[in-house]
Amino acid sequence: MPTAFAQNWLVNLVLPIFALAIISLSAFAVWRHRWFSIQPVLSTYIWFIAITGAISLVIYVLQIPEAFRYAACKAYAAIYYGTDFLTRIFSVAVIYEFLFRMAGANKAIQRKATIGFLITTSINFTVAYWLMNQWSTNALENASRFLFETTTLALLVSGLFIFAIKKSRSLFLEPRLLTVLLALTLYNFIDLLSAFILRRNEQKRLLVSDAMWIAFAALLYWALKNGPSTSGIDASTGELPVET
């Protein structure tokens, strides 16, 4: 029992606090270095997960009176699933923003990025909604689970699409941001794969999931902490500067 209690505190409080501290540093770097003007979707995504992570911790720590527990649980469920749905939309939007940024002044590639995001999101939600309707109970829980799975597939397909365009058009993206793009593409898939492998050990699955999230948060901070590059890429065209 003491071991299980210690593991619960580690998974539910200690590791989330550590992850929140790192993602908060990323949010501060976004504000300090004015990333909003360069990558507004990525910047908003980082602030969104930092704020929702802080709220989740506050809710976990608060001791809710029994009289308000049912109403609080209902409100928390609505907020939790609403946040989950927004996070899925954000993750797809962020990787297409990378393509939009790489396009520079190329309107054709910018249109591909915009249309690609709209089509991917539409298909993603349509398939998740159809799968949800195959079960008559736990509608929100099923919607969240299926949306996570369809988003995982959408990120993989979209990532391959973006990397193919990048290679064929010789588009430039700073190595640190390219690493973030690759991580965003693969994170959900690796998380889903690890959850399947560890499906019989819930505690270990949660520990691995938290460790992966901490690593991802640290990667974001590493990529953003020094601010946008001002020498390696022309901000107006997205192309490498021409030497004269």
Protein backbone atom coordinates (compact mmCIF):
# COMPACT_ATOMS: atom_id res chain seq x y z
CA MET A 1 0.00 0.00 0.00
CA PRO A 2 2.71 2.62 0.81
CA THR A 3 4.37 1.87 -2.55
CA ALA A 4 1.11 2.33 -4.44
CA PHE A 5 0.40 5.54 -2.54
CA ALA A 6 3.85 6.91 -3.41
CA GLN A 7 3.38 5.98 -7.07
CA ASN A 8 0.01 7.75 -7.15
CA TRP A 9 1.57 10.92 -5.81
CA LEU A 10 4.40 10.61 -8.33
CA VAL A 11 2.05 10.15 -11.30
CA ASN A 12 -0.73 12.53 -10.23
CA LEU A 13 1.24 15.36 -8.67
CA VAL A 14 5.05 15.30 -8.76
CA LEU A 15 5.59 14.53 -12.47
CA PRO A 16 2.75 16.82 -13.64
CA ILE A 17 4.22 19.69 -11.58
CA PHE A 18 7.63 19.08 -13.15
CA ALA A 19 6.11 18.98 -16.64
CA LEU A 20 4.10 22.14 -15.93
CA ALA A 21 7.24 23.94 -14.78
CA ILE A 22 8.99 23.11 -18.05
CA ILE A 23 6.05 24.02 -20.30
CA SER A 24 5.66 27.26 -18.31
CA LEU A 25 9.28 28.11 -19.18
CA SER A 26 8.35 27.55 -22.84
CA ALA A 27 5.33 29.85 -22.46
CA PHE A 28 7.58 32.50 -20.91
CA ALA A 29 10.07 32.11 -23.78
CA VAL A 30 7.22 32.54 -26.26
CA TRP A 31 6.19 35.80 -24.59
CA ARG A 32 9.72 37.10 -23.99
CA HIS A 33 11.00 36.48 -27.53
CA ARG A 34 7.75 37.45 -29.28
CA TRP A 35 7.16 34.10 -30.94
CA PHE A 36 3.52 35.11 -31.44
CA SER A 37 4.53 37.25 -34.40
CA ILE A 38 6.41 34.35 -36.01
CA GLN A 39 4.41 31.24 -35.08
CA PRO A 40 1.08 32.39 -33.60
CA VAL A 41 -0.56 28.95 -33.64
CA LEU A 42 2.39 27.19 -31.98
CA SER A 43 2.64 30.02 -29.43
CA THR A 44 -1.07 29.84 -28.62
CA TYR A 45 -0.85 26.04 -28.35
CA ILE A 46 1.97 26.27 -25.80
CA TRP A 47 0.13 28.85 -23.69
CA PHE A 48 -3.05 26.78 -23.95
CA ILE A 49 -1.45 23.58 -22.61
CA ALA A 50 0.37 25.54 -19.90
CA ILE A 51 -2.86 27.16 -18.66
CA THR A 52 -4.93 23.96 -18.85
CA GLY A 53 -2.14 22.04 -17.11
CA ALA A 54 -2.13 24.55 -14.26
CA ILE A 55 -5.92 24.38 -13.93
CA SER A 56 -5.82 20.57 -13.85
CA LEU A 57 -3.30 20.62 -11.01
CA VAL A 58 -5.37 23.12 -9.03
CA ILE A 59 -8.47 20.94 -9.45
CA TYR A 60 -6.52 17.86 -8.32
CA VAL A 61 -5.13 19.59 -5.22
CA LEU A 62 -8.43 21.19 -4.14
CA GLN A 63 -10.46 19.27 -1.62
CA ILE A 64 -14.00 19.64 -2.99
CA PRO A 65 -16.78 19.41 -0.38
CA GLU A 66 -19.09 16.42 -0.74
CA ALA A 67 -22.13 18.65 -1.33
CA PHE A 68 -20.54 20.15 -4.45
CA ARG A 69 -18.70 17.04 -5.68
CA TYR A 70 -21.30 15.86 -8.20
CA ALA A 71 -21.68 19.30 -9.80
CA ALA A 72 -17.91 19.80 -9.75
CA CYS A 73 -17.35 16.43 -11.46
CA LYS A 74 -19.90 17.28 -14.15
CA ALA A 75 -18.27 20.65 -14.77
CA TYR A 76 -14.80 19.11 -14.74
CA ALA A 77 -15.86 16.44 -17.25
CA ALA A 78 -17.23 19.08 -19.64
CA ILE A 79 -14.08 21.20 -19.32
CA TYR A 80 -11.78 18.17 -19.59
CA TYR A 81 -13.33 16.83 -22.79
CA GLY A 82 -13.69 20.31 -24.27
CA THR A 83 -10.00 20.94 -23.59
CA ASP A 84 -9.14 17.56 -25.07
CA PHE A 85 -10.99 18.34 -28.31
CA LEU A 86 -9.31 21.76 -28.60
CA THR A 87 -5.90 20.18 -28.01
CA ARG A 88 -6.46 17.79 -30.94
CA ILE A 89 -7.39 20.68 -33.24
CA PHE A 90 -4.37 22.66 -32.08
CA SER A 91 -1.92 19.81 -32.69
CA VAL A 92 -3.03 19.45 -36.32
CA ALA A 93 -3.08 23.23 -36.83
CA VAL A 94 0.46 23.59 -35.48
CA ILE A 95 2.08 21.21 -37.96
CA TYR A 96 0.29 22.87 -40.90
CA GLU A 97 1.48 26.23 -39.59
CA PHE A 98 5.03 24.96 -40.10
CA LEU A 99 4.23 24.33 -43.78
CA PHE A 100 2.59 27.76 -44.04
CA ARG A 101 5.70 29.37 -42.52
CA MET A 102 8.08 27.43 -44.77
CA ALA A 103 6.08 28.57 -47.80
CA GLY A 104 7.12 32.18 -47.23
CA ALA A 105 5.59 34.22 -50.07
CA ASN A 106 4.58 31.14 -52.10
CA LYS A 107 0.79 31.47 -52.21
CA ALA A 108 0.28 28.03 -53.77
CA ILE A 109 1.97 26.25 -50.83
CA GLN A 110 0.16 28.50 -48.36
CA ARG A 111 -3.15 27.41 -49.92
CA LYS A 112 -2.07 23.77 -49.66
CA ALA A 113 -1.36 24.29 -45.96
CA THR A 114 -4.74 25.93 -45.33
CA ILE A 115 -6.76 23.44 -47.39
CA GLY A 116 -4.79 20.52 -45.94
CA PHE A 117 -5.63 21.61 -42.40
CA LEU A 118 -9.33 22.06 -43.18
CA ILE A 119 -9.62 18.68 -44.95
CA THR A 120 -7.63 16.85 -42.26
CA THR A 121 -9.68 18.35 -39.43
CA SER A 122 -12.98 17.62 -41.19
CA ILE A 123 -12.08 13.99 -41.87
CA ASN A 124 -10.64 13.61 -38.38
CA PHE A 125 -13.81 14.77 -36.61
CA THR A 126 -16.14 12.97 -39.03
CA VAL A 127 -14.45 9.59 -38.50
CA ALA A 128 -14.23 10.10 -34.73
CA TYR A 129 -17.93 11.05 -34.60
CA TRP A 130 -18.90 8.00 -36.65
CA LEU A 131 -16.89 5.69 -34.39
CA MET A 132 -18.40 7.31 -31.29
CA ASN A 133 -21.91 6.58 -32.55
CA GLN A 134 -21.16 2.87 -32.73
CA TRP A 135 -21.42 2.77 -28.91
CA SER A 136 -24.49 3.88 -26.98
CA THR A 137 -22.77 4.55 -23.64
CA ASN A 138 -19.97 6.85 -22.42
CA ALA A 139 -20.35 9.13 -25.43
CA LEU A 140 -17.85 11.78 -24.33
CA GLU A 141 -15.27 9.23 -23.20
CA ASN A 142 -15.56 7.33 -26.48
CA ALA A 143 -15.38 10.56 -28.49
CA SER A 144 -12.19 11.55 -26.67
CA ARG A 145 -10.60 8.12 -27.19
CA PHE A 146 -11.50 7.88 -30.86
CA LEU A 147 -10.50 11.47 -31.53
CA PHE A 148 -7.09 10.77 -30.01
CA GLU A 149 -6.66 7.74 -32.28
CA THR A 150 -7.85 9.50 -35.45
CA THR A 151 -5.70 12.55 -34.63
CA THR A 152 -2.70 10.26 -34.23
CA LEU A 153 -3.27 8.94 -37.75
CA ALA A 154 -3.98 12.45 -39.07
CA LEU A 155 -0.70 13.76 -37.63
CA LEU A 156 1.30 10.91 -39.19
CA VAL A 157 -0.26 11.37 -42.64
CA SER A 158 -0.03 15.16 -42.46
CA GLY A 159 3.59 14.99 -41.29
CA LEU A 160 4.52 12.77 -44.24
CA PHE A 161 2.68 15.17 -46.57
CA ILE A 162 4.52 18.21 -45.15
CA PHE A 163 7.95 16.57 -45.22
CA ALA A 164 7.33 15.46 -48.84
CA ILE A 165 6.49 19.04 -49.88
CA LYS A 166 9.49 20.37 -47.94
CA LYS A 167 11.83 17.99 -49.75
CA SER A 168 10.34 18.41 -53.23
CA ARG A 169 10.26 22.24 -53.00
CA SER A 170 13.54 22.55 -51.05
CA LEU A 171 11.86 24.59 -48.32
CA PHE A 172 13.90 25.80 -45.36
CA LEU A 173 13.12 25.30 -41.68
CA GLU A 174 15.52 25.83 -38.83
CA PRO A 175 16.83 22.50 -37.45
CA ARG A 176 15.40 23.13 -33.96
CA LEU A 177 11.92 23.85 -35.38
CA LEU A 178 12.25 20.89 -37.74
CA THR A 179 12.84 18.75 -34.63
CA VAL A 180 9.67 20.16 -33.06
CA LEU A 181 7.71 19.38 -36.24
CA LEU A 182 8.99 15.79 -36.20
CA ALA A 183 8.17 15.43 -32.49
CA LEU A 184 4.63 16.75 -33.00
CA THR A 185 4.14 14.31 -35.86
CA LEU A 186 5.29 11.26 -33.88
CA TYR A 187 4.40 12.07 -30.25
CA ASN A 188 0.81 10.78 -30.27
CA PHE A 189 1.80 7.65 -32.18
CA ILE A 190 4.58 6.78 -29.72
CA ASP A 191 2.25 7.52 -26.79
CA LEU A 192 -0.45 5.29 -28.27
CA LEU A 193 2.04 2.52 -28.99
CA SER A 194 3.49 2.60 -25.48
CA ALA A 195 -0.03 2.56 -24.00
CA PHE A 196 -0.83 -0.57 -26.03
CA ILE A 197 2.39 -2.32 -25.00
CA LEU A 198 1.85 -1.45 -21.31
CA ARG A 199 -1.94 -1.94 -21.31
CA ARG A 200 -1.71 -4.56 -18.54
CA ASN A 201 0.28 -2.34 -16.20
CA GLU A 202 -1.64 0.89 -15.64
CA GLN A 203 0.88 2.44 -13.24
CA LYS A 204 3.83 1.86 -15.53
CA ARG A 205 1.82 3.15 -18.50
CA LEU A 206 1.10 6.40 -16.66
CA LEU A 207 4.74 6.79 -15.64
CA VAL A 208 5.92 6.32 -19.23
CA SER A 209 3.27 8.73 -20.49
CA ASP A 210 4.33 11.41 -17.99
CA ALA A 211 8.02 10.87 -18.84
CA MET A 212 7.25 11.29 -22.54
CA TRP A 213 5.29 14.47 -21.90
CA ILE A 214 8.18 15.90 -19.83
CA ALA A 215 10.62 15.07 -22.65
CA PHE A 216 8.32 16.75 -25.18
CA ALA A 217 7.96 19.85 -22.98
CA ALA A 218 11.75 20.01 -22.59
CA LEU A 219 12.15 19.77 -26.37
CA LEU A 220 9.76 22.71 -26.86
CA TYR A 221 11.71 24.81 -24.36
CA TRP A 222 15.02 23.93 -26.05
CA ALA A 223 13.64 25.01 -29.43
CA LEU A 224 12.11 28.28 -28.22
CA LYS A 225 14.36 29.54 -25.44
CA ASN A 226 16.72 31.57 -27.67
CA GLY A 227 14.00 33.26 -29.71
CA PRO A 228 13.38 33.27 -33.46
CA SER A 229 16.37 33.14 -35.77
CA THR A 230 17.21 36.44 -37.47
CA SER A 231 20.10 35.38 -39.69
CA GLY A 232 19.38 31.97 -41.17
CA ILE A 233 16.15 32.77 -42.99
CA ASP A 234 14.50 35.70 -44.71
CA ALA A 235 11.33 36.41 -42.76
CA SER A 236 9.35 37.63 -45.75
CA THR A 237 10.08 34.82 -48.23
CA GLY A 238 11.00 31.83 -46.11
CA GLU A 239 14.13 31.36 -48.24
CA LEU A 240 17.80 31.38 -47.37
CA PRO A 241 19.43 34.76 -48.00
CA VAL A 242 21.37 35.08 -51.24
CA GLU A 243 25.02 35.95 -50.91
CA THR A 244 26.29 38.81 -53.06
